[in-house]
Amino acid sequence: MFLIRATGRGAAEMLAALRTRLANAPEAERAVVRDELAKITELRLAKLLGGG
């Protein structure tokens, strides 16, 4: 599975991230996914609270 915060990122940037992350060990990728989920949650909360 590949999860990334897409807001503010172009297709080329997301593709580059995918290519880079393909080499991640499973544990490292899980850490990246947790970080991406946190960023997505922050964006959603900001929108919900009227800040974005």
Protein backbone atom coordinates (compact mmCIF):
# COMPACT_ATOMS: atom_id res chain seq x y z
CA MET A 1 0.00 0.00 0.00
CA PHE A 2 1.19 3.53 -0.77
CA LEU A 3 -0.25 6.37 1.27
CA ILE A 4 0.71 9.99 0.75
CA ARG A 5 -0.71 13.39 1.58
CA ALA A 6 -1.58 14.68 -1.87
CA THR A 7 -2.65 18.20 -0.89
CA GLY A 8 -0.15 20.69 -2.21
CA ARG A 9 1.83 18.10 -4.13
CA GLY A 10 2.00 17.64 -7.87
CA ALA A 11 1.97 14.37 -9.74
CA ALA A 12 5.72 14.46 -10.36
CA GLU A 13 6.45 14.97 -6.67
CA MET A 14 4.18 12.10 -5.67
CA LEU A 15 5.73 9.81 -8.27
CA ALA A 16 9.21 10.70 -7.03
CA ALA A 17 8.13 9.92 -3.46
CA LEU A 18 6.73 6.58 -4.58
CA ARG A 19 9.94 5.66 -6.34
CA THR A 20 12.02 6.63 -3.32
CA ARG A 21 9.78 4.81 -0.88
CA LEU A 22 9.75 1.56 -2.86
CA ALA A 23 13.20 0.88 -1.42
CA ASN A 24 12.00 1.31 2.19
CA ALA A 25 12.09 -1.63 4.52
CA PRO A 26 8.61 -2.47 5.86
CA GLU A 27 9.33 -0.90 9.25
CA ALA A 28 10.62 2.30 7.69
CA GLU A 29 7.61 2.51 5.38
CA ARG A 30 5.23 2.08 8.31
CA ALA A 31 6.90 5.07 9.98
CA VAL A 32 6.46 7.14 6.80
CA VAL A 33 2.81 6.10 6.56
CA ARG A 34 2.21 7.13 10.18
CA ASP A 35 3.72 10.55 9.40
CA GLU A 36 1.60 10.93 6.26
CA LEU A 37 -1.55 9.94 8.20
CA ALA A 38 -0.73 12.56 10.82
CA LYS A 39 -0.38 15.23 8.11
CA ILE A 40 -3.69 14.19 6.54
CA THR A 41 -5.40 14.31 9.93
CA GLU A 42 -3.99 17.78 10.63
CA LEU A 43 -5.29 19.05 7.29
CA ARG A 44 -8.74 17.57 7.88
CA LEU A 45 -8.95 19.01 11.39
CA ALA A 46 -7.89 22.44 10.15
CA LYS A 47 -10.63 22.34 7.49
CA LEU A 48 -13.19 21.15 10.02
CA LEU A 49 -12.28 23.96 12.42
CA GLY A 50 -12.34 26.56 9.65
CA GLY A 51 -8.61 27.07 9.44
CA GLY A 52 -8.07 25.70 6.00
